[in-house]
């Protein structure tokens, strides 16, 4: 993953794209998931999750575009995180991408032209094609951490995970081993 250390992040977009499945095959459905962690337990259980089926309580993290097939041009799923508006009660936000496993196990290397891009305004903070985690069914793609002054910093690293989206959501913010 190409990434540069960045501090004082205010508003970011996480964008994911992929190709549709071949004719007759089950749909390729990738989902962006954000997990928000409180200052009291930054590596505990998420305070809340944001994904296609769940919104943030304060509207600071929104899924702008959701695709269940990967059809269309450009990025198929887009999530906006307004970190500068996030309550001081939160210290960490972890963002991941999970492949729906409805029709049997599907990994990143079985889906054509996958890509994730993390941007702040016109600046690309990180990009990746999931090739380093090809045998995974989900991956953490970004971590945003608030420092003692209240500024948000970005850490980009793709970490693969094997399991369904629900299992991934419960452990995606645990400390990297």
N, C-alpha and C. Protein backbone atom coordinates (compact mmCIF):
# COMPACT_ATOMS: atom_id res chain seq x y z
N UNK A 1 0.85 -1.18 0.00
CA UNK A 1 0.00 0.00 0.00
C UNK A 1 0.89 1.23 0.00
N UNK A 2 0.59 2.13 -0.89
CA UNK A 2 1.29 3.41 -0.90
C UNK A 2 0.62 4.31 0.11
N UNK A 3 1.38 4.83 1.04
CA UNK A 3 0.77 5.75 1.98
C UNK A 3 1.83 6.67 2.57
N UNK A 4 1.38 7.82 3.00
CA UNK A 4 2.27 8.77 3.63
C UNK A 4 1.69 9.09 5.00
N UNK A 5 2.54 9.29 6.01
CA UNK A 5 1.99 9.64 7.33
C UNK A 5 1.33 11.00 7.26
N UNK A 6 0.14 11.09 7.76
CA UNK A 6 -0.59 12.35 7.71
C UNK A 6 -1.22 12.63 9.05
N UNK A 7 -1.15 13.90 9.45
CA UNK A 7 -1.74 14.35 10.70
C UNK A 7 -2.75 15.44 10.40
N UNK A 8 -3.60 15.68 11.37
CA UNK A 8 -4.62 16.72 11.27
C UNK A 8 -5.57 16.47 10.10
N UNK A 9 -6.03 15.23 10.00
CA UNK A 9 -6.99 14.83 8.98
C UNK A 9 -8.37 15.32 9.43
N UNK A 10 -9.14 15.91 8.52
CA UNK A 10 -10.46 16.42 8.89
C UNK A 10 -11.60 15.63 8.26
N UNK A 11 -11.53 15.43 6.94
CA UNK A 11 -12.62 14.74 6.24
C UNK A 11 -12.00 13.85 5.17
N UNK A 12 -12.33 12.57 5.20
CA UNK A 12 -11.76 11.64 4.22
C UNK A 12 -12.86 10.86 3.51
N UNK A 13 -12.48 10.36 2.35
CA UNK A 13 -13.33 9.46 1.59
C UNK A 13 -12.60 8.15 1.41
N UNK A 14 -13.29 7.05 1.67
CA UNK A 14 -12.76 5.72 1.39
C UNK A 14 -13.58 5.20 0.21
N UNK A 15 -12.87 4.86 -0.88
CA UNK A 15 -13.54 4.46 -2.12
C UNK A 15 -13.06 3.07 -2.54
N UNK A 16 -14.01 2.22 -2.92
CA UNK A 16 -13.68 0.85 -3.31
C UNK A 16 -14.32 0.57 -4.67
N UNK A 17 -13.58 -0.17 -5.51
CA UNK A 17 -14.15 -0.59 -6.79
C UNK A 17 -13.74 -2.03 -7.09
N UNK A 18 -14.55 -2.67 -7.93
CA UNK A 18 -14.30 -4.03 -8.34
C UNK A 18 -15.13 -4.33 -9.58
N UNK A 19 -14.79 -5.41 -10.27
CA UNK A 19 -15.54 -5.80 -11.46
C UNK A 19 -16.69 -6.74 -11.07
N UNK A 20 -17.78 -6.68 -11.84
CA UNK A 20 -18.88 -7.62 -11.60
C UNK A 20 -18.42 -9.06 -11.84
N UNK A 21 -19.15 -10.01 -11.29
CA UNK A 21 -18.81 -11.41 -11.50
C UNK A 21 -19.16 -11.81 -12.93
N UNK A 22 -18.61 -12.93 -13.36
CA UNK A 22 -18.90 -13.44 -14.70
C UNK A 22 -20.37 -13.86 -14.77
N UNK A 23 -20.91 -13.87 -15.97
CA UNK A 23 -22.31 -14.27 -16.17
C UNK A 23 -22.55 -15.64 -15.56
N UNK A 24 -23.65 -15.75 -14.82
CA UNK A 24 -24.00 -17.03 -14.21
C UNK A 24 -23.36 -17.27 -12.85
N UNK A 25 -22.42 -16.43 -12.47
CA UNK A 25 -21.75 -16.57 -11.16
C UNK A 25 -22.47 -15.70 -10.14
N UNK A 26 -22.39 -16.06 -8.83
CA UNK A 26 -22.97 -15.19 -7.80
C UNK A 26 -22.30 -13.80 -7.83
N UNK A 27 -23.08 -12.77 -7.50
CA UNK A 27 -22.57 -11.40 -7.55
C UNK A 27 -21.40 -11.18 -6.61
N UNK A 28 -20.45 -10.36 -7.06
CA UNK A 28 -19.37 -9.90 -6.19
C UNK A 28 -19.91 -8.70 -5.40
N UNK A 29 -19.92 -8.80 -4.08
CA UNK A 29 -20.46 -7.74 -3.25
C UNK A 29 -19.46 -7.41 -2.15
N UNK A 30 -18.77 -6.27 -2.30
CA UNK A 30 -17.82 -5.81 -1.29
C UNK A 30 -18.46 -4.69 -0.48
N UNK A 31 -18.20 -4.66 0.81
CA UNK A 31 -18.79 -3.66 1.68
C UNK A 31 -17.72 -2.94 2.48
N UNK A 32 -17.85 -1.61 2.55
CA UNK A 32 -16.99 -0.81 3.43
C UNK A 32 -17.64 -0.81 4.81
N UNK A 33 -16.82 -1.05 5.83
CA UNK A 33 -17.29 -1.04 7.21
C UNK A 33 -16.37 -0.13 8.03
N UNK A 34 -16.97 0.78 8.80
CA UNK A 34 -16.19 1.63 9.71
C UNK A 34 -16.58 1.26 11.14
N UNK A 35 -15.57 1.10 11.99
CA UNK A 35 -15.79 0.81 13.41
C UNK A 35 -15.23 1.97 14.22
N UNK A 36 -16.06 2.52 15.09
CA UNK A 36 -15.67 3.67 15.90
C UNK A 36 -15.44 3.21 17.33
N UNK A 37 -14.32 3.64 17.92
CA UNK A 37 -13.91 3.19 19.26
C UNK A 37 -13.83 4.38 20.21
N UNK A 38 -14.32 4.18 21.42
CA UNK A 38 -14.33 5.24 22.42
C UNK A 38 -12.96 5.48 23.04
N UNK A 39 -12.80 6.66 23.63
CA UNK A 39 -11.54 7.01 24.30
C UNK A 39 -11.29 6.09 25.49
N UNK A 40 -12.37 5.56 26.08
CA UNK A 40 -12.23 4.68 27.24
C UNK A 40 -11.75 3.28 26.86
N UNK A 41 -11.93 2.86 25.60
CA UNK A 41 -11.51 1.52 25.17
C UNK A 41 -11.17 1.53 23.68
N UNK A 42 -10.05 2.21 23.31
CA UNK A 42 -9.73 2.35 21.89
C UNK A 42 -9.44 1.02 21.18
N UNK A 43 -9.16 -0.05 21.95
CA UNK A 43 -8.93 -1.36 21.35
C UNK A 43 -9.94 -2.39 21.86
N UNK A 44 -11.03 -1.90 22.46
CA UNK A 44 -12.07 -2.80 22.95
C UNK A 44 -13.09 -3.08 21.86
N UNK A 45 -14.34 -3.22 22.25
CA UNK A 45 -15.41 -3.43 21.28
C UNK A 45 -15.77 -2.08 20.66
N UNK A 46 -16.18 -2.08 19.39
CA UNK A 46 -16.55 -0.82 18.76
C UNK A 46 -17.76 -0.19 19.45
N UNK A 47 -17.74 1.13 19.57
CA UNK A 47 -18.90 1.86 20.11
C UNK A 47 -20.06 1.73 19.13
N UNK A 48 -19.76 1.80 17.84
CA UNK A 48 -20.77 1.55 16.80
C UNK A 48 -20.07 1.24 15.48
N UNK A 49 -20.84 0.60 14.59
CA UNK A 49 -20.37 0.26 13.25
C UNK A 49 -21.20 1.03 12.23
N UNK A 50 -20.54 1.40 11.12
CA UNK A 50 -21.25 2.01 10.01
C UNK A 50 -21.00 1.14 8.78
N UNK A 51 -22.09 0.73 8.11
CA UNK A 51 -22.00 -0.07 6.89
C UNK A 51 -23.33 0.07 6.15
N UNK A 52 -23.55 -0.74 5.12
CA UNK A 52 -24.74 -0.59 4.27
C UNK A 52 -26.04 -0.68 5.06
N UNK A 53 -26.01 -1.30 6.21
CA UNK A 53 -27.22 -1.57 6.98
C UNK A 53 -27.29 -0.77 8.27
N UNK A 54 -26.29 0.10 8.51
CA UNK A 54 -26.22 0.80 9.80
C UNK A 54 -25.55 2.15 9.62
N UNK A 55 -26.15 3.19 10.16
CA UNK A 55 -25.63 4.56 10.03
C UNK A 55 -24.97 5.00 11.33
N UNK A 56 -24.15 6.06 11.25
CA UNK A 56 -23.58 6.61 12.48
C UNK A 56 -24.66 7.45 13.16
N UNK A 57 -24.71 7.41 14.49
CA UNK A 57 -25.78 8.12 15.21
C UNK A 57 -25.74 9.64 15.01
N UNK A 58 -24.55 10.19 14.76
CA UNK A 58 -24.43 11.65 14.65
C UNK A 58 -24.25 12.14 13.21
N UNK A 59 -24.27 11.23 12.24
CA UNK A 59 -24.16 11.63 10.84
C UNK A 59 -22.76 12.00 10.38
N UNK A 60 -21.73 11.70 11.19
CA UNK A 60 -20.37 12.07 10.81
C UNK A 60 -19.71 11.06 9.88
N UNK A 61 -20.25 9.84 9.82
CA UNK A 61 -19.72 8.81 8.92
C UNK A 61 -20.89 8.33 8.08
N UNK A 62 -20.78 8.50 6.76
CA UNK A 62 -21.89 8.14 5.88
C UNK A 62 -21.42 7.30 4.71
N UNK A 63 -22.26 6.34 4.35
CA UNK A 63 -22.02 5.55 3.15
C UNK A 63 -22.76 6.26 2.02
N UNK A 64 -22.00 6.88 1.11
CA UNK A 64 -22.60 7.69 0.04
C UNK A 64 -23.05 6.84 -1.13
N UNK A 65 -22.37 5.73 -1.35
CA UNK A 65 -22.70 4.88 -2.48
C UNK A 65 -22.51 3.43 -2.06
N UNK A 66 -23.51 2.59 -2.37
CA UNK A 66 -23.47 1.18 -2.03
C UNK A 66 -23.78 0.38 -3.29
N UNK A 67 -22.94 -0.60 -3.58
CA UNK A 67 -23.17 -1.46 -4.75
C UNK A 67 -23.20 -2.90 -4.28
N UNK A 68 -24.07 -3.69 -4.86
CA UNK A 68 -24.12 -5.11 -4.54
C UNK A 68 -23.55 -5.96 -5.67
N UNK A 69 -23.07 -5.30 -6.75
CA UNK A 69 -22.62 -6.08 -7.91
C UNK A 69 -21.29 -5.62 -8.49
N UNK A 70 -20.87 -4.37 -8.23
CA UNK A 70 -19.66 -3.84 -8.85
C UNK A 70 -19.90 -3.30 -10.25
N UNK A 71 -21.16 -3.23 -10.69
CA UNK A 71 -21.45 -2.72 -12.03
C UNK A 71 -21.39 -1.20 -12.04
N UNK A 72 -20.97 -0.65 -13.17
CA UNK A 72 -20.91 0.80 -13.31
C UNK A 72 -19.48 1.26 -13.46
N UNK A 73 -19.31 2.57 -13.61
CA UNK A 73 -17.98 3.14 -13.83
C UNK A 73 -17.46 3.75 -12.54
N UNK A 74 -16.14 3.81 -12.42
CA UNK A 74 -15.53 4.44 -11.25
C UNK A 74 -15.66 3.60 -10.00
N UNK A 75 -15.77 4.28 -8.88
CA UNK A 75 -15.81 3.59 -7.59
C UNK A 75 -17.23 3.15 -7.28
N UNK A 76 -17.36 1.92 -6.80
CA UNK A 76 -18.67 1.31 -6.56
C UNK A 76 -19.22 1.63 -5.18
N UNK A 77 -18.36 1.73 -4.18
CA UNK A 77 -18.80 2.10 -2.83
C UNK A 77 -17.93 3.26 -2.36
N UNK A 78 -18.57 4.24 -1.70
CA UNK A 78 -17.85 5.41 -1.19
C UNK A 78 -18.38 5.71 0.20
N UNK A 79 -17.47 5.86 1.17
CA UNK A 79 -17.83 6.25 2.53
C UNK A 79 -17.09 7.52 2.88
N UNK A 80 -17.81 8.48 3.47
CA UNK A 80 -17.21 9.73 3.92
C UNK A 80 -17.13 9.74 5.44
N UNK A 81 -15.96 10.11 5.96
CA UNK A 81 -15.75 10.21 7.40
C UNK A 81 -15.39 11.65 7.74
N UNK A 82 -16.26 12.33 8.47
CA UNK A 82 -16.01 13.70 8.90
C UNK A 82 -15.41 13.65 10.30
N UNK A 83 -14.12 13.37 10.35
CA UNK A 83 -13.44 13.18 11.63
C UNK A 83 -13.44 14.45 12.47
N UNK A 84 -13.37 15.61 11.81
CA UNK A 84 -13.35 16.88 12.54
C UNK A 84 -14.66 17.15 13.27
N UNK A 85 -15.73 16.47 12.91
CA UNK A 85 -17.03 16.62 13.58
C UNK A 85 -17.31 15.52 14.58
N UNK A 86 -16.45 14.50 14.63
CA UNK A 86 -16.68 13.36 15.52
C UNK A 86 -16.48 13.77 16.97
N UNK A 87 -17.36 13.34 17.83
CA UNK A 87 -17.33 13.68 19.25
C UNK A 87 -15.98 13.32 19.89
N UNK A 88 -15.60 14.12 20.90
CA UNK A 88 -14.36 13.85 21.65
C UNK A 88 -14.42 12.52 22.40
N UNK A 89 -15.60 11.92 22.47
CA UNK A 89 -15.75 10.62 23.14
C UNK A 89 -15.10 9.48 22.33
N UNK A 90 -14.73 9.77 21.08
CA UNK A 90 -14.14 8.74 20.22
C UNK A 90 -12.68 9.03 19.92
N UNK A 91 -11.85 7.98 20.01
CA UNK A 91 -10.41 8.14 19.85
C UNK A 91 -9.87 7.45 18.60
N UNK A 92 -10.67 6.56 18.00
CA UNK A 92 -10.12 5.74 16.94
C UNK A 92 -11.25 5.29 16.01
N UNK A 93 -10.95 5.31 14.70
CA UNK A 93 -11.87 4.77 13.71
C UNK A 93 -11.07 3.85 12.80
N UNK A 94 -11.54 2.62 12.64
CA UNK A 94 -10.89 1.63 11.77
C UNK A 94 -11.85 1.36 10.61
N UNK A 95 -11.29 1.35 9.38
CA UNK A 95 -12.11 1.11 8.20
C UNK A 95 -11.63 -0.16 7.52
N UNK A 96 -12.59 -0.99 7.16
CA UNK A 96 -12.27 -2.24 6.48
C UNK A 96 -13.18 -2.47 5.29
N UNK A 97 -12.81 -3.48 4.50
CA UNK A 97 -13.61 -3.90 3.36
C UNK A 97 -13.84 -5.40 3.51
N UNK A 98 -15.10 -5.81 3.44
CA UNK A 98 -15.45 -7.23 3.58
C UNK A 98 -16.21 -7.69 2.34
N UNK A 99 -15.93 -8.93 1.93
CA UNK A 99 -16.63 -9.54 0.80
C UNK A 99 -17.81 -10.33 1.39
N UNK A 100 -19.00 -10.07 0.89
CA UNK A 100 -20.15 -10.86 1.34
C UNK A 100 -19.93 -12.33 0.97
N UNK A 101 -20.29 -13.21 1.89
CA UNK A 101 -20.03 -14.65 1.71
C UNK A 101 -21.33 -15.45 1.56
N UNK A 102 -22.37 -14.83 1.02
CA UNK A 102 -23.69 -15.49 0.90
C UNK A 102 -23.64 -16.78 0.10
N UNK A 103 -22.85 -16.81 -0.96
CA UNK A 103 -22.89 -17.92 -1.91
C UNK A 103 -21.61 -18.76 -1.88
N UNK A 104 -21.06 -18.96 -0.70
CA UNK A 104 -19.81 -19.72 -0.59
C UNK A 104 -18.63 -18.78 -0.43
N UNK A 105 -17.49 -19.33 -0.03
CA UNK A 105 -16.31 -18.53 0.28
C UNK A 105 -15.75 -17.86 -0.96
N UNK A 106 -15.56 -16.53 -0.88
CA UNK A 106 -14.99 -15.76 -1.99
C UNK A 106 -13.88 -14.88 -1.42
N UNK A 107 -12.72 -14.89 -2.08
CA UNK A 107 -11.57 -14.12 -1.62
C UNK A 107 -11.24 -13.01 -2.63
N UNK A 108 -10.40 -12.06 -2.18
CA UNK A 108 -10.04 -10.93 -3.05
C UNK A 108 -9.43 -11.38 -4.37
N UNK A 109 -8.61 -12.45 -4.36
CA UNK A 109 -7.96 -12.88 -5.60
C UNK A 109 -8.93 -13.51 -6.59
N UNK A 110 -10.18 -13.74 -6.20
CA UNK A 110 -11.19 -14.29 -7.11
C UNK A 110 -12.08 -13.19 -7.70
N UNK A 111 -11.78 -11.93 -7.37
CA UNK A 111 -12.56 -10.81 -7.88
C UNK A 111 -11.62 -9.91 -8.69
N UNK A 112 -12.02 -9.64 -9.92
CA UNK A 112 -11.17 -8.87 -10.83
C UNK A 112 -11.15 -7.38 -10.49
N UNK A 113 -9.97 -6.77 -10.66
CA UNK A 113 -9.77 -5.32 -10.60
C UNK A 113 -10.28 -4.67 -9.31
N UNK A 114 -9.93 -5.27 -8.18
CA UNK A 114 -10.29 -4.64 -6.91
C UNK A 114 -9.33 -3.50 -6.62
N UNK A 115 -9.84 -2.46 -5.97
CA UNK A 115 -9.00 -1.34 -5.58
C UNK A 115 -9.67 -0.58 -4.45
N UNK A 116 -8.83 -0.01 -3.58
CA UNK A 116 -9.31 0.89 -2.55
C UNK A 116 -8.45 2.15 -2.61
N UNK A 117 -9.09 3.28 -2.41
CA UNK A 117 -8.39 4.56 -2.41
C UNK A 117 -8.91 5.37 -1.22
N UNK A 118 -7.98 5.98 -0.49
CA UNK A 118 -8.33 6.81 0.65
C UNK A 118 -7.84 8.22 0.34
N UNK A 119 -8.79 9.18 0.36
CA UNK A 119 -8.47 10.55 -0.05
C UNK A 119 -8.95 11.55 0.98
N UNK A 120 -8.17 12.61 1.11
CA UNK A 120 -8.61 13.80 1.84
C UNK A 120 -8.58 14.93 0.83
N UNK A 121 -9.76 15.41 0.44
CA UNK A 121 -9.84 16.40 -0.63
C UNK A 121 -9.28 15.81 -1.91
N UNK A 122 -8.30 16.49 -2.49
CA UNK A 122 -7.67 16.00 -3.72
C UNK A 122 -6.40 15.21 -3.45
N UNK A 123 -6.08 15.02 -2.18
CA UNK A 123 -4.86 14.31 -1.81
C UNK A 123 -5.15 12.83 -1.58
N UNK A 124 -4.43 11.96 -2.28
CA UNK A 124 -4.58 10.53 -2.07
C UNK A 124 -3.66 10.13 -0.91
N UNK A 125 -4.25 9.65 0.18
CA UNK A 125 -3.47 9.22 1.34
C UNK A 125 -2.94 7.81 1.14
N UNK A 126 -3.72 6.95 0.48
CA UNK A 126 -3.30 5.57 0.26
C UNK A 126 -4.12 4.96 -0.86
N UNK A 127 -3.50 3.98 -1.55
CA UNK A 127 -4.18 3.19 -2.58
C UNK A 127 -3.67 1.76 -2.48
N UNK A 128 -4.55 0.81 -2.80
CA UNK A 128 -4.13 -0.59 -2.77
C UNK A 128 -5.05 -1.40 -3.67
N UNK A 129 -4.56 -2.56 -4.13
CA UNK A 129 -5.37 -3.42 -5.00
C UNK A 129 -5.71 -4.76 -4.34
N UNK A 130 -5.43 -4.90 -3.05
CA UNK A 130 -5.71 -6.10 -2.26
C UNK A 130 -4.87 -7.32 -2.67
N UNK A 131 -3.88 -7.15 -3.55
CA UNK A 131 -3.08 -8.30 -3.98
C UNK A 131 -2.26 -8.90 -2.84
N UNK A 132 -1.89 -8.07 -1.86
CA UNK A 132 -1.10 -8.59 -0.73
C UNK A 132 -1.95 -9.44 0.23
N UNK A 133 -3.26 -9.37 0.08
CA UNK A 133 -4.17 -10.15 0.94
C UNK A 133 -5.16 -10.94 0.06
N UNK A 134 -4.66 -11.45 -1.07
CA UNK A 134 -5.51 -12.12 -2.05
C UNK A 134 -6.31 -13.28 -1.52
N UNK A 135 -5.78 -14.00 -0.53
CA UNK A 135 -6.50 -15.17 0.00
C UNK A 135 -7.45 -14.80 1.14
N UNK A 136 -7.57 -13.50 1.44
CA UNK A 136 -8.43 -13.05 2.53
C UNK A 136 -9.85 -12.77 2.04
N UNK A 137 -10.81 -12.78 2.97
CA UNK A 137 -12.20 -12.47 2.65
C UNK A 137 -12.57 -11.06 3.11
N UNK A 138 -11.66 -10.42 3.87
CA UNK A 138 -11.88 -9.06 4.36
C UNK A 138 -10.51 -8.47 4.69
N UNK A 139 -10.45 -7.13 4.79
CA UNK A 139 -9.18 -6.49 5.11
C UNK A 139 -9.42 -5.14 5.77
N UNK A 140 -8.59 -4.83 6.76
CA UNK A 140 -8.54 -3.48 7.30
C UNK A 140 -7.75 -2.65 6.29
N UNK A 141 -8.25 -1.44 5.96
CA UNK A 141 -7.57 -0.61 4.96
C UNK A 141 -7.09 0.72 5.52
N UNK A 142 -7.61 1.13 6.68
CA UNK A 142 -7.21 2.42 7.24
C UNK A 142 -7.52 2.47 8.72
N UNK A 143 -6.71 3.26 9.41
CA UNK A 143 -6.93 3.51 10.83
C UNK A 143 -6.69 4.99 11.08
N UNK A 144 -7.65 5.61 11.75
CA UNK A 144 -7.54 7.02 12.10
C UNK A 144 -7.53 7.11 13.62
N UNK A 145 -6.52 7.80 14.17
CA UNK A 145 -6.34 7.87 15.62
C UNK A 145 -6.22 9.33 16.03
N UNK A 146 -6.98 9.68 17.08
CA UNK A 146 -6.94 11.06 17.60
C UNK A 146 -5.81 11.14 18.62
N UNK A 147 -4.97 12.18 18.50
CA UNK A 147 -3.87 12.35 19.46
C UNK A 147 -4.33 13.22 20.64
N UNK A 148 -3.42 13.46 21.57
CA UNK A 148 -3.78 14.18 22.80
C UNK A 148 -4.21 15.63 22.53
N UNK A 149 -3.81 16.18 21.38
CA UNK A 149 -4.22 17.56 21.06
C UNK A 149 -5.57 17.60 20.35
N UNK A 150 -6.12 16.42 20.03
CA UNK A 150 -7.41 16.35 19.35
C UNK A 150 -7.30 16.21 17.84
N UNK A 151 -6.08 16.22 17.29
CA UNK A 151 -5.89 16.06 15.85
C UNK A 151 -5.96 14.58 15.47
N UNK A 152 -6.52 14.34 14.29
CA UNK A 152 -6.61 12.97 13.79
C UNK A 152 -5.41 12.66 12.90
N UNK A 153 -4.83 11.49 13.08
CA UNK A 153 -3.75 11.01 12.23
C UNK A 153 -4.21 9.80 11.45
N UNK A 154 -3.55 9.53 10.33
CA UNK A 154 -3.90 8.41 9.46
C UNK A 154 -2.79 7.37 9.45
N UNK A 155 -3.18 6.12 9.59
CA UNK A 155 -2.25 5.01 9.41
C UNK A 155 -2.82 4.10 8.34
N UNK A 156 -2.09 3.94 7.27
CA UNK A 156 -2.55 3.07 6.18
C UNK A 156 -1.80 1.76 6.21
N UNK A 157 -2.52 0.69 6.26
CA UNK A 157 -1.92 -0.64 6.20
C UNK A 157 -3.04 -1.61 5.87
N UNK A 158 -2.83 -2.48 4.90
CA UNK A 158 -3.84 -3.47 4.56
C UNK A 158 -3.51 -4.75 5.32
N UNK A 159 -4.45 -5.15 6.18
CA UNK A 159 -4.31 -6.39 6.96
C UNK A 159 -5.46 -7.31 6.60
N UNK A 160 -5.14 -8.50 6.12
CA UNK A 160 -6.17 -9.45 5.71
C UNK A 160 -6.80 -10.17 6.88
N UNK A 161 -8.00 -10.70 6.63
CA UNK A 161 -8.77 -11.43 7.63
C UNK A 161 -9.56 -12.50 6.89
N UNK A 162 -9.76 -13.63 7.53
CA UNK A 162 -10.53 -14.71 6.92
C UNK A 162 -11.76 -14.97 7.77
N UNK A 163 -12.92 -14.74 7.21
CA UNK A 163 -14.17 -14.97 7.92
C UNK A 163 -15.27 -14.14 7.30
N UNK A 164 -16.48 -14.28 7.83
CA UNK A 164 -17.59 -13.54 7.25
C UNK A 164 -17.58 -12.09 7.76
N UNK A 165 -18.37 -11.20 7.11
CA UNK A 165 -18.36 -9.79 7.50
C UNK A 165 -18.70 -9.54 8.98
N UNK A 166 -19.63 -10.31 9.56
CA UNK A 166 -19.98 -10.10 10.97
C UNK A 166 -18.80 -10.41 11.89
N UNK A 167 -18.12 -11.52 11.63
CA UNK A 167 -16.95 -11.88 12.45
C UNK A 167 -15.85 -10.84 12.27
N UNK A 168 -15.64 -10.40 11.04
CA UNK A 168 -14.63 -9.39 10.76
C UNK A 168 -14.93 -8.10 11.52
N UNK A 169 -16.18 -7.65 11.48
CA UNK A 169 -16.56 -6.40 12.13
C UNK A 169 -16.27 -6.43 13.64
N UNK A 170 -16.37 -7.60 14.25
CA UNK A 170 -16.16 -7.69 15.69
C UNK A 170 -14.68 -7.67 16.07
N UNK A 171 -13.78 -8.00 15.14
CA UNK A 171 -12.35 -8.05 15.48
C UNK A 171 -11.47 -7.12 14.66
N UNK A 172 -12.05 -6.38 13.71
CA UNK A 172 -11.22 -5.59 12.80
C UNK A 172 -10.39 -4.52 13.49
N UNK A 173 -10.80 -4.07 14.67
CA UNK A 173 -10.05 -3.05 15.37
C UNK A 173 -9.12 -3.57 16.44
N UNK A 174 -8.98 -4.90 16.53
CA UNK A 174 -8.07 -5.44 17.54
C UNK A 174 -6.63 -5.12 17.16
N UNK A 175 -5.76 -5.16 18.13
CA UNK A 175 -4.34 -4.85 17.87
C UNK A 175 -3.78 -5.84 16.86
N UNK A 176 -2.98 -5.31 15.92
CA UNK A 176 -2.34 -6.16 14.93
C UNK A 176 -1.33 -7.05 15.63
N UNK A 177 -1.32 -8.32 15.24
CA UNK A 177 -0.46 -9.30 15.92
C UNK A 177 0.96 -9.27 15.53
